[in-house]
Amino acid sequence: FMVVAAALIATAASGFTIVEPNSAKVL
């Protein structure tokens, strides 16, 4: 379970991003 949870958390971390003012992120 811990291995699966760690993999899920690492995958979820790839969805985080920082968008600066007057810029855009194309997905």
PDB file of all heavy atoms in Angstrom:
ATOM      1  N   PHE A   1       0.824  -1.208   0.000  1.00  0.00           N
ATOM      2  CA  PHE A   1       0.000   0.000   0.000  1.00  0.00           C
ATOM      3  C   PHE A   1       0.855   1.254   0.000  1.00  0.00           C
ATOM      4  O   PHE A   1       0.566   2.226  -0.686  1.00  0.00           O
ATOM      5  CB  PHE A   1      -0.936  -0.021   1.212  1.00  0.00           C
ATOM      6  CG  PHE A   1      -1.799   1.199   1.322  1.00  0.00           C
ATOM      7  CD1 PHE A   1      -2.975   1.316   0.607  1.00  0.00           C
ATOM      8  CD2 PHE A   1      -1.413   2.268   2.135  1.00  0.00           C
ATOM      9  CE1 PHE A   1      -3.763   2.454   0.707  1.00  0.00           C
ATOM     10  CE2 PHE A   1      -2.194   3.395   2.232  1.00  0.00           C
ATOM     11  CZ  PHE A   1      -3.376   3.487   1.511  1.00  0.00           C
ATOM     12  N   MET A   2       1.929   1.221   0.789  1.00  0.00           N
ATOM     13  CA  MET A   2       2.814   2.378   0.860  1.00  0.00           C
ATOM     14  C   MET A   2       3.479   2.640  -0.494  1.00  0.00           C
ATOM     15  O   MET A   2       3.633   3.788  -0.918  1.00  0.00           O
ATOM     16  CB  MET A   2       3.873   2.157   1.945  1.00  0.00           C
ATOM     17  CG  MET A   2       3.313   2.145   3.369  1.00  0.00           C
ATOM     18  SD  MET A   2       4.582   1.808   4.611  1.00  0.00           S
ATOM     19  CE  MET A   2       5.647   3.210   4.378  1.00  0.00           C
ATOM     20  N   VAL A   3       3.872   1.572  -1.182  1.00  0.00           N
ATOM     21  CA  VAL A   3       4.482   1.738  -2.510  1.00  0.00           C
ATOM     22  C   VAL A   3       3.489   2.344  -3.495  1.00  0.00           C
ATOM     23  O   VAL A   3       3.818   3.267  -4.255  1.00  0.00           O
ATOM     24  CB  VAL A   3       5.017   0.393  -3.025  1.00  0.00           C
ATOM     25  CG1 VAL A   3       5.478   0.520  -4.474  1.00  0.00           C
ATOM     26  CG2 VAL A   3       6.144  -0.105  -2.144  1.00  0.00           C
ATOM     27  N   VAL A   4       2.265   1.803  -3.464  1.00  0.00           N
ATOM     28  CA  VAL A   4       1.238   2.334  -4.354  1.00  0.00           C
ATOM     29  C   VAL A   4       0.929   3.785  -4.018  1.00  0.00           C
ATOM     30  O   VAL A   4       0.782   4.642  -4.921  1.00  0.00           O
ATOM     31  CB  VAL A   4      -0.041   1.473  -4.279  1.00  0.00           C
ATOM     32  CG1 VAL A   4      -1.171   2.130  -5.062  1.00  0.00           C
ATOM     33  CG2 VAL A   4       0.226   0.078  -4.812  1.00  0.00           C
ATOM     34  N   ALA A   5       0.836   4.105  -2.734  1.00  0.00           N
ATOM     35  CA  ALA A   5       0.546   5.477  -2.325  1.00  0.00           C
ATOM     36  C   ALA A   5       1.653   6.434  -2.753  1.00  0.00           C
ATOM     37  O   ALA A   5       1.400   7.553  -3.221  1.00  0.00           O
ATOM     38  CB  ALA A   5       0.355   5.531  -0.805  1.00  0.00           C
ATOM     39  N   ALA A   6       2.919   5.987  -2.598  1.00  0.00           N
ATOM     40  CA  ALA A   6       4.040   6.831  -3.016  1.00  0.00           C
ATOM     41  C   ALA A   6       4.006   7.078  -4.525  1.00  0.00           C
ATOM     42  O   ALA A   6       4.283   8.192  -5.001  1.00  0.00           O
ATOM     43  CB  ALA A   6       5.357   6.184  -2.604  1.00  0.00           C
ATOM     44  N   ALA A   7       3.676   6.037  -5.299  1.00  0.00           N
ATOM     45  CA  ALA A   7       3.585   6.198  -6.751  1.00  0.00           C
ATOM     46  C   ALA A   7       2.467   7.171  -7.125  1.00  0.00           C
ATOM     47  O   ALA A   7       2.622   8.011  -8.028  1.00  0.00           O
ATOM     48  CB  ALA A   7       3.360   4.848  -7.412  1.00  0.00           C
ATOM     49  N   LEU A   8       1.334   7.059  -6.426  1.00  0.00           N
ATOM     50  CA  LEU A   8       0.219   7.965  -6.715  1.00  0.00           C
ATOM     51  C   LEU A   8       0.570   9.412  -6.364  1.00  0.00           C
ATOM     52  O   LEU A   8       0.218  10.342  -7.098  1.00  0.00           O
ATOM     53  CB  LEU A   8      -1.025   7.519  -5.941  1.00  0.00           C
ATOM     54  CG  LEU A   8      -1.666   6.208  -6.404  1.00  0.00           C
ATOM     55  CD1 LEU A   8      -2.827   5.831  -5.480  1.00  0.00           C
ATOM     56  CD2 LEU A   8      -2.154   6.320  -7.842  1.00  0.00           C
ATOM     57  N   ILE A   9       1.261   9.588  -5.242  1.00  0.00           N
ATOM     58  CA  ILE A   9       1.642  10.950  -4.843  1.00  0.00           C
ATOM     59  C   ILE A   9       2.634  11.544  -5.844  1.00  0.00           C
ATOM     60  O   ILE A   9       2.543  12.715  -6.224  1.00  0.00           O
ATOM     61  CB  ILE A   9       2.241  10.931  -3.419  1.00  0.00           C
ATOM     62  CG1 ILE A   9       1.154  10.588  -2.396  1.00  0.00           C
ATOM     63  CG2 ILE A   9       2.876  12.276  -3.089  1.00  0.00           C
ATOM     64  CD1 ILE A   9       1.683  10.424  -0.981  1.00  0.00           C
ATOM     65  N   ALA A  10       3.602  10.716  -6.303  1.00  0.00           N
ATOM     66  CA  ALA A  10       4.569  11.202  -7.294  1.00  0.00           C
ATOM     67  C   ALA A  10       3.873  11.565  -8.606  1.00  0.00           C
ATOM     68  O   ALA A  10       4.215  12.559  -9.261  1.00  0.00           O
ATOM     69  CB  ALA A  10       5.638  10.143  -7.536  1.00  0.00           C
ATOM     70  N   THR A  11       2.894  10.758  -8.994  1.00  0.00           N
ATOM     71  CA  THR A  11       2.144  11.061 -10.219  1.00  0.00           C
ATOM     72  C   THR A  11       1.340  12.348 -10.059  1.00  0.00           C
ATOM     73  O   THR A  11       1.302  13.197 -10.960  1.00  0.00           O
ATOM     74  CB  THR A  11       1.209   9.903 -10.570  1.00  0.00           C
ATOM     75  OG1 THR A  11       1.973   8.707 -10.729  1.00  0.00           O
ATOM     76  CG2 THR A  11       0.446  10.191 -11.854  1.00  0.00           C
ATOM     77  N   ALA A  12       0.700  12.488  -8.883  1.00  0.00           N
ATOM     78  CA  ALA A  12      -0.096  13.696  -8.642  1.00  0.00           C
ATOM     79  C   ALA A  12       0.781  14.943  -8.630  1.00  0.00           C
ATOM     80  O   ALA A  12       0.362  16.020  -9.065  1.00  0.00           O
ATOM     81  CB  ALA A  12      -0.853  13.565  -7.325  1.00  0.00           C
ATOM     82  N   ALA A  13       2.028  14.795  -8.157  1.00  0.00           N
ATOM     83  CA  ALA A  13       2.932  15.955  -8.097  1.00  0.00           C
ATOM     84  C   ALA A  13       3.219  16.529  -9.473  1.00  0.00           C
ATOM     85  O   ALA A  13       3.510  17.729  -9.608  1.00  0.00           O
ATOM     86  CB  ALA A  13       4.228  15.571  -7.403  1.00  0.00           C
ATOM     87  N   SER A  14       3.131  15.710 -10.522  1.00  0.00           N
ATOM     88  CA  SER A  14       3.385  16.215 -11.874  1.00  0.00           C
ATOM     89  C   SER A  14       2.296  17.165 -12.356  1.00  0.00           C
ATOM     90  O   SER A  14       2.463  17.830 -13.375  1.00  0.00           O
ATOM     91  CB  SER A  14       3.519  15.043 -12.853  1.00  0.00           C
ATOM     92  OG  SER A  14       2.277  14.351 -12.981  1.00  0.00           O
ATOM     93  N   GLY A  15       1.190  17.213 -11.619  1.00  0.00           N
ATOM     94  CA  GLY A  15       0.104  18.112 -12.013  1.00  0.00           C
ATOM     95  C   GLY A  15       0.211  19.500 -11.431  1.00  0.00           C
ATOM     96  O   GLY A  15      -0.605  20.373 -11.754  1.00  0.00           O
ATOM     97  N   PHE A  16       1.178  19.739 -10.563  1.00  0.00           N
ATOM     98  CA  PHE A  16       1.339  21.059  -9.958  1.00  0.00           C
ATOM     99  C   PHE A  16       2.148  21.978 -10.873  1.00  0.00           C
ATOM    100  O   PHE A  16       3.113  21.542 -11.518  1.00  0.00           O
ATOM    101  CB  PHE A  16       2.031  20.950  -8.595  1.00  0.00           C
ATOM    102  CG  PHE A  16       1.194  20.293  -7.538  1.00  0.00           C
ATOM    103  CD1 PHE A  16       1.433  18.985  -7.156  1.00  0.00           C
ATOM    104  CD2 PHE A  16       0.162  20.992  -6.929  1.00  0.00           C
ATOM    105  CE1 PHE A  16       0.661  18.381  -6.176  1.00  0.00           C
ATOM    106  CE2 PHE A  16      -0.616  20.393  -5.953  1.00  0.00           C
ATOM    107  CZ  PHE A  16      -0.368  19.078  -5.577  1.00  0.00           C
ATOM    108  N   THR A  17       1.780  23.218 -10.915  1.00  0.00           N
ATOM    109  CA  THR A  17       2.499  24.195 -11.730  1.00  0.00           C
ATOM    110  C   THR A  17       2.302  25.590 -11.150  1.00  0.00           C
ATOM    111  O   THR A  17       1.331  25.842 -10.423  1.00  0.00           O
ATOM    112  CB  THR A  17       2.013  24.172 -13.192  1.00  0.00           C
ATOM    113  OG1 THR A  17       2.820  25.053 -13.969  1.00  0.00           O
ATOM    114  CG2 THR A  17       0.566  24.618 -13.299  1.00  0.00           C
ATOM    115  N   ILE A  18       3.229  26.463 -11.458  1.00  0.00           N
ATOM    116  CA  ILE A  18       3.154  27.867 -11.026  1.00  0.00           C
ATOM    117  C   ILE A  18       3.004  28.735 -12.268  1.00  0.00           C
ATOM    118  O   ILE A  18       3.830  28.670 -13.183  1.00  0.00           O
ATOM    119  CB  ILE A  18       4.411  28.277 -10.238  1.00  0.00           C
ATOM    120  CG1 ILE A  18       4.516  27.453  -8.950  1.00  0.00           C
ATOM    121  CG2 ILE A  18       4.368  29.774  -9.911  1.00  0.00           C
ATOM    122  CD1 ILE A  18       5.780  27.728  -8.160  1.00  0.00           C
ATOM    123  N   VAL A  19       1.940  29.525 -12.301  1.00  0.00           N
ATOM    124  CA  VAL A  19       1.678  30.423 -13.430  1.00  0.00           C
ATOM    125  C   VAL A  19       1.987  31.850 -12.982  1.00  0.00           C
ATOM    126  O   VAL A  19       1.363  32.358 -12.047  1.00  0.00           O
ATOM    127  CB  VAL A  19       0.214  30.311 -13.904  1.00  0.00           C
ATOM    128  CG1 VAL A  19      -0.015  31.206 -15.115  1.00  0.00           C
ATOM    129  CG2 VAL A  19      -0.127  28.862 -14.232  1.00  0.00           C
ATOM    130  N   GLU A  20       2.953  32.475 -13.635  1.00  0.00           N
ATOM    131  CA  GLU A  20       3.332  33.848 -13.299  1.00  0.00           C
ATOM    132  C   GLU A  20       2.340  34.841 -13.909  1.00  0.00           C
ATOM    133  O   GLU A  20       1.653  34.521 -14.884  1.00  0.00           O
ATOM    134  CB  GLU A  20       4.741  34.135 -13.803  1.00  0.00           C
ATOM    135  CG  GLU A  20       5.807  33.267 -13.157  1.00  0.00           C
ATOM    136  CD  GLU A  20       7.189  33.594 -13.669  1.00  0.00           C
ATOM    137  OE1 GLU A  20       7.290  34.401 -14.627  1.00  0.00           O
ATOM    138  OE2 GLU A  20       8.163  33.040 -13.131  1.00  0.00           O
ATOM    139  N   PRO A  21       2.260  36.062 -13.347  1.00  0.00           N
ATOM    140  CA  PRO A  21       1.378  37.083 -13.941  1.00  0.00           C
ATOM    141  C   PRO A  21       1.758  37.370 -15.397  1.00  0.00           C
ATOM    142  O   PRO A  21       2.939  37.328 -15.767  1.00  0.00           O
ATOM    143  CB  PRO A  21       1.612  38.305 -13.041  1.00  0.00           C
ATOM    144  CG  PRO A  21       2.100  37.734 -11.744  1.00  0.00           C
ATOM    145  CD  PRO A  21       2.902  36.521 -12.103  1.00  0.00           C
ATOM    146  N   ASN A  22       0.768  37.658 -16.213  1.00  0.00           N
ATOM    147  CA  ASN A  22       0.961  37.956 -17.633  1.00  0.00           C
ATOM    148  C   ASN A  22       1.686  36.830 -18.368  1.00  0.00           C
ATOM    149  O   ASN A  22       2.585  37.060 -19.191  1.00  0.00           O
ATOM    150  CB  ASN A  22       1.728  39.276 -17.814  1.00  0.00           C
ATOM    151  CG  ASN A  22       0.918  40.470 -17.380  1.00  0.00           C
ATOM    152  OD1 ASN A  22      -0.287  40.521 -17.577  1.00  0.00           O
ATOM    153  ND2 ASN A  22       1.567  41.440 -16.755  1.00  0.00           N
ATOM    154  N   SER A  23       1.283  35.605 -18.042  1.00  0.00           N
ATOM    155  CA  SER A  23       1.778  34.442 -18.761  1.00  0.00           C
ATOM    156  C   SER A  23       0.689  33.383 -18.764  1.00  0.00           C
ATOM    157  O   SER A  23      -0.304  33.497 -18.041  1.00  0.00           O
ATOM    158  CB  SER A  23       3.071  33.896 -18.144  1.00  0.00           C
ATOM    159  OG  SER A  23       2.816  33.396 -16.847  1.00  0.00           O
ATOM    160  N   ALA A  24       0.871  32.368 -19.578  1.00  0.00           N
ATOM    161  CA  ALA A  24      -0.116  31.298 -19.692  1.00  0.00           C
ATOM    162  C   ALA A  24       0.601  29.964 -19.808  1.00  0.00           C
ATOM    163  O   ALA A  24       1.756  29.889 -20.237  1.00  0.00           O
ATOM    164  CB  ALA A  24      -1.032  31.517 -20.892  1.00  0.00           C
ATOM    165  N   LYS A  25      -0.095  28.919 -19.404  1.00  0.00           N
ATOM    166  CA  LYS A  25       0.409  27.555 -19.539  1.00  0.00           C
ATOM    167  C   LYS A  25      -0.462  26.819 -20.547  1.00  0.00           C
ATOM    168  O   LYS A  25      -1.679  26.686 -20.364  1.00  0.00           O
ATOM    169  CB  LYS A  25       0.363  26.823 -18.201  1.00  0.00           C
ATOM    170  CG  LYS A  25       1.297  27.378 -17.134  1.00  0.00           C
ATOM    171  CD  LYS A  25       2.714  26.899 -17.333  1.00  0.00           C
ATOM    172  CE  LYS A  25       3.599  27.331 -16.161  1.00  0.00           C
ATOM    173  NZ  LYS A  25       4.969  26.831 -16.266  1.00  0.00           N
ATOM    174  N   VAL A  26       0.162  26.358 -21.627  1.00  0.00           N
ATOM    175  CA  VAL A  26      -0.549  25.584 -22.639  1.00  0.00           C
ATOM    176  C   VAL A  26      -0.396  24.103 -22.290  1.00  0.00           C
ATOM    177  O   VAL A  26       0.723  23.605 -22.138  1.00  0.00           O
ATOM    178  CB  VAL A  26      -0.002  25.884 -24.040  1.00  0.00           C
ATOM    179  CG1 VAL A  26      -0.704  25.021 -25.082  1.00  0.00           C
ATOM    180  CG2 VAL A  26      -0.176  27.361 -24.370  1.00  0.00           C
ATOM    181  N   LEU A  27      -1.525  23.388 -22.152  1.00  0.00           N
ATOM    182  CA  LEU A  27      -1.526  22.009 -21.683  1.00  0.00           C
ATOM    183  C   LEU A  27      -1.758  21.036 -22.836  1.00  0.00           C
ATOM    184  O   LEU A  27      -2.636  21.255 -23.679  1.00  0.00           O
ATOM    185  CB  LEU A  27      -2.628  21.805 -20.633  1.00  0.00           C
ATOM    186  CG  LEU A  27      -2.708  22.845 -19.504  1.00  0.00           C
ATOM    187  CD1 LEU A  27      -3.885  22.534 -18.602  1.00  0.00           C
ATOM    188  CD2 LEU A  27      -1.408  22.899 -18.716  1.00  0.00           C
TER     189      LEU A  27
END
